[in-house]
Amino acid sequence: MEACKHADGRRGFLKKSTAIAALYLAPSFLTKSFAYDKLVPSPVEKEKLQIIINGKSYELMVDIRMSLLDLLREQVGLTGSKKGCDMGQCGACIVLVNGKRVNGCMTLAVDNGSNKITTIEGLATPEKLHPVQEAFISHDAMQCGYCTPGQIMSAVACIREGHANTREEIKAYMEGNICRCGSYQNIVDAILDVKKSGKPV
């Protein structure tokens, strides 16, 4: 019985060795033709895009596959919006498109021609922070800060759209924004504070 096991193991080893040797010694044209499609990059197609970001008009040549988030970070140099999951699940990349919150990683840049984009950099002025930014600071609603730009942009939309009337309503609206540090309580406090203050957002 033991001898049979050894024989089977030896046969399996020989079969695998033969297969590997055959692949290694295969004509080079076979291996080249197999890998050719994977090695040759597809041509990059670009499109002219006119877009308004934080009140400034831009005219750019954009890769049609580029996300709005990558456009903001890589071509415009606005790195406040963060790339987290890159799958629309964490909310770190949220910006406002015509006043509505949008996951920057989930929309193509070329689909935003003539749209008005507002990023975290477009909320404050050199002289004064936005009321939501001030509230986040006063309520200690951030720790590492990575999710904060997306949290603030969502908070602005939450108040503007009338979803900041109760703690439960705010939590439901903000559930698409993930904070790994767990500052949720303070974030809700900050949003309620701005809502009660009546300050324009």
Protein backbone atom coordinates (compact mmCIF):
# COMPACT_ATOMS: atom_id res chain seq x y z
CA MET A 1 0.00 0.00 0.00
CA GLU A 2 2.79 2.39 0.96
CA ALA A 3 4.62 1.55 -2.25
CA CYS A 4 1.51 2.48 -4.31
CA LYS A 5 1.32 5.88 -2.60
CA HIS A 6 4.96 6.54 -3.43
CA ALA A 7 4.37 5.47 -7.03
CA ASP A 8 1.38 7.80 -7.40
CA GLY A 9 3.31 10.66 -5.88
CA ARG A 10 6.21 10.04 -8.25
CA ARG A 11 3.93 9.84 -11.30
CA GLY A 12 2.26 13.15 -10.30
CA PHE A 13 5.62 14.79 -9.88
CA LEU A 14 6.81 13.55 -13.28
CA LYS A 15 3.60 14.76 -14.99
CA LYS A 16 3.96 18.23 -13.50
CA SER A 17 7.63 18.40 -14.38
CA THR A 18 6.91 17.37 -17.97
CA ALA A 19 4.15 19.99 -18.31
CA ILE A 20 6.41 22.74 -16.98
CA ALA A 21 9.25 21.70 -19.29
CA ALA A 22 6.90 21.65 -22.29
CA LEU A 23 5.68 25.15 -21.52
CA TYR A 24 9.23 26.39 -21.07
CA LEU A 25 10.37 24.86 -24.36
CA ALA A 26 7.29 25.95 -26.34
CA PRO A 27 8.03 27.94 -29.49
CA SER A 28 8.56 31.59 -28.62
CA PHE A 29 5.95 32.75 -31.12
CA LEU A 30 3.26 30.92 -29.16
CA THR A 31 4.13 32.56 -25.89
CA LYS A 32 4.54 35.96 -27.54
CA SER A 33 1.21 35.79 -29.31
CA PHE A 34 -0.49 34.74 -26.06
CA ALA A 35 0.91 37.69 -24.11
CA TYR A 36 0.83 40.29 -26.88
CA ASP A 37 -2.63 41.70 -26.13
CA LYS A 38 -1.79 42.06 -22.48
CA LEU A 39 1.50 43.86 -23.09
CA VAL A 40 0.38 46.44 -25.64
CA PRO A 41 -1.46 49.32 -23.92
CA SER A 42 -4.67 50.54 -25.48
CA PRO A 43 -4.52 54.06 -26.93
CA VAL A 44 -5.64 56.80 -24.55
CA GLU A 45 -8.64 58.73 -25.81
CA LYS A 46 -8.93 62.29 -24.59
CA GLU A 47 -11.73 64.80 -24.73
CA LYS A 48 -11.88 68.55 -24.19
CA LEU A 49 -13.72 69.42 -21.00
CA GLN A 50 -14.99 72.79 -19.82
CA ILE A 51 -15.79 72.69 -16.14
CA ILE A 52 -16.32 75.19 -13.32
CA ILE A 53 -14.54 74.35 -10.07
CA ASN A 54 -14.93 76.56 -7.01
CA GLY A 55 -16.14 79.39 -9.22
CA LYS A 56 -13.20 79.18 -11.62
CA SER A 57 -13.60 78.01 -15.21
CA TYR A 58 -11.21 75.36 -16.54
CA GLU A 59 -10.68 74.02 -20.06
CA LEU A 60 -8.81 70.72 -19.95
CA MET A 61 -7.94 67.75 -22.12
CA VAL A 62 -9.12 64.79 -20.10
CA ASP A 63 -8.71 61.02 -20.41
CA ILE A 64 -12.28 59.82 -20.96
CA ARG A 65 -11.71 57.13 -18.31
CA MET A 66 -10.62 59.59 -15.60
CA SER A 67 -12.84 60.06 -12.56
CA LEU A 68 -13.82 63.48 -11.31
CA LEU A 69 -11.78 62.79 -8.17
CA ASP A 70 -8.61 62.07 -10.17
CA LEU A 71 -9.19 65.16 -12.30
CA LEU A 72 -9.43 67.33 -9.20
CA ARG A 73 -6.37 65.84 -7.56
CA GLU A 74 -4.07 65.17 -10.50
CA GLN A 75 -4.90 67.81 -13.10
CA VAL A 76 -6.26 70.72 -11.10
CA GLY A 77 -4.15 70.22 -7.96
CA LEU A 78 -7.05 70.29 -5.50
CA THR A 79 -6.04 67.49 -3.15
CA GLY A 80 -8.50 68.23 -0.35
CA SER A 81 -10.90 65.57 -1.65
CA LYS A 82 -9.40 62.24 -0.57
CA LYS A 83 -9.19 58.89 -2.29
CA GLY A 84 -10.25 56.25 0.20
CA CYS A 85 -11.96 53.10 -1.03
CA ASP A 86 -12.25 54.34 -4.67
CA MET A 87 -15.55 52.42 -4.80
CA GLY A 88 -18.08 54.96 -3.55
CA GLN A 89 -18.33 53.34 -0.13
CA CYS A 90 -16.38 55.58 2.28
CA GLY A 91 -17.39 59.14 1.33
CA ALA A 92 -13.89 60.64 1.63
CA CYS A 93 -14.12 61.96 -1.95
CA ILE A 94 -17.51 63.68 -1.74
CA VAL A 95 -17.84 67.00 -3.55
CA LEU A 96 -20.84 69.09 -4.52
CA VAL A 97 -21.95 69.02 -8.16
CA ASN A 98 -24.47 71.77 -8.86
CA GLY A 99 -25.12 71.82 -5.12
CA LYS A 100 -25.74 68.06 -4.79
CA ARG A 101 -23.28 65.73 -3.09
CA VAL A 102 -21.52 63.28 -5.37
CA ASN A 103 -18.83 60.65 -4.82
CA GLY A 104 -15.99 62.00 -6.94
CA CYS A 105 -14.55 58.53 -7.49
CA MET A 106 -17.79 57.25 -9.01
CA THR A 107 -18.42 59.88 -11.69
CA LEU A 108 -16.42 60.39 -14.86
CA ALA A 109 -14.82 63.79 -15.26
CA VAL A 110 -16.10 64.10 -18.86
CA ASP A 111 -19.69 63.72 -17.64
CA ASN A 112 -19.39 66.99 -15.75
CA GLY A 113 -19.02 69.46 -18.59
CA SER A 114 -20.45 72.87 -17.61
CA ASN A 115 -21.28 71.57 -14.13
CA LYS A 116 -20.40 73.66 -11.09
CA ILE A 117 -18.12 71.69 -8.78
CA THR A 118 -17.46 72.74 -5.19
CA THR A 119 -14.66 71.07 -3.24
CA ILE A 120 -13.55 71.55 0.35
CA GLU A 121 -11.14 74.23 -0.91
CA GLY A 122 -14.08 76.25 -2.22
CA LEU A 123 -16.02 76.59 1.04
CA ALA A 124 -13.92 79.04 3.02
CA THR A 125 -12.41 82.41 2.12
CA PRO A 126 -8.88 83.51 3.02
CA GLU A 127 -10.45 85.61 5.78
CA LYS A 128 -13.03 83.24 7.24
CA LEU A 129 -13.82 79.55 7.56
CA HIS A 130 -17.17 78.14 6.48
CA PRO A 131 -19.62 77.72 9.42
CA VAL A 132 -19.48 73.91 9.11
CA GLN A 133 -15.68 73.98 9.23
CA GLU A 134 -15.81 76.16 12.34
CA ALA A 135 -18.31 73.80 13.96
CA PHE A 136 -16.16 70.74 13.21
CA ILE A 137 -13.25 72.44 14.96
CA SER A 138 -15.24 73.62 17.98
CA HIS A 139 -16.87 70.20 18.46
CA ASP A 140 -13.61 68.28 17.88
CA ALA A 141 -15.35 66.38 15.07
CA MET A 142 -12.12 65.08 13.53
CA GLN A 143 -9.17 62.99 14.61
CA CYS A 144 -6.86 61.83 11.82
CA GLY A 145 -8.73 64.16 9.44
CA TYR A 146 -8.63 61.92 6.37
CA CYS A 147 -12.41 61.63 6.08
CA THR A 148 -13.05 65.22 7.18
CA PRO A 149 -13.28 66.90 3.74
CA GLY A 150 -15.95 64.42 2.64
CA GLN A 151 -17.72 64.66 5.99
CA ILE A 152 -17.86 68.45 5.76
CA MET A 153 -19.11 68.45 2.16
CA SER A 154 -21.85 65.97 3.11
CA ALA A 155 -22.70 68.04 6.19
CA VAL A 156 -23.14 71.17 4.05
CA ALA A 157 -25.48 69.28 1.71
CA CYS A 158 -27.31 67.77 4.70
CA ILE A 159 -28.14 71.22 6.08
CA ARG A 160 -28.92 72.80 2.71
CA GLU A 161 -31.29 70.00 1.75
CA GLY A 162 -33.18 70.20 5.05
CA HIS A 163 -32.07 66.88 6.52
CA ALA A 164 -30.54 68.24 9.73
CA ASN A 165 -33.65 68.60 11.88
CA THR A 166 -32.94 65.72 14.30
CA ARG A 167 -30.00 63.55 15.31
CA GLU A 168 -31.66 60.54 13.70
CA GLU A 169 -32.20 62.39 10.43
CA ILE A 170 -28.57 63.52 10.33
CA LYS A 171 -27.30 60.02 11.06
CA ALA A 172 -29.40 58.58 8.25
CA TYR A 173 -28.19 61.20 5.78
CA MET A 174 -24.53 60.92 6.78
CA GLU A 175 -24.33 57.12 6.84
CA GLY A 176 -22.41 57.09 3.54
CA ASN A 177 -19.48 58.84 5.22
CA ILE A 178 -17.19 56.49 7.13
CA CYS A 179 -14.97 57.70 9.98
CA ARG A 180 -12.45 55.07 11.05
CA CYS A 181 -11.62 57.13 14.15
CA GLY A 182 -15.26 57.00 15.30
CA SER A 183 -16.01 60.72 15.62
CA TYR A 184 -19.65 60.26 14.63
CA GLN A 185 -21.16 61.74 17.81
CA ASN A 186 -19.14 64.93 17.45
CA ILE A 187 -19.91 65.19 13.74
CA VAL A 188 -23.64 65.07 14.46
CA ASP A 189 -23.18 67.68 17.22
CA ALA A 190 -21.37 69.98 14.79
CA ILE A 191 -24.10 69.69 12.15
CA LEU A 192 -26.87 70.32 14.72
CA ASP A 193 -24.99 73.34 16.01
CA VAL A 194 -24.81 74.93 12.55
CA LYS A 195 -28.46 74.10 11.84
CA LYS A 196 -29.62 75.70 15.12
CA SER A 197 -27.44 78.75 14.58
CA GLY A 198 -29.28 79.61 11.39
CA LYS A 199 -26.03 80.60 9.69
CA PRO A 200 -26.16 80.41 5.88
CA VAL A 201 -24.28 77.43 4.49
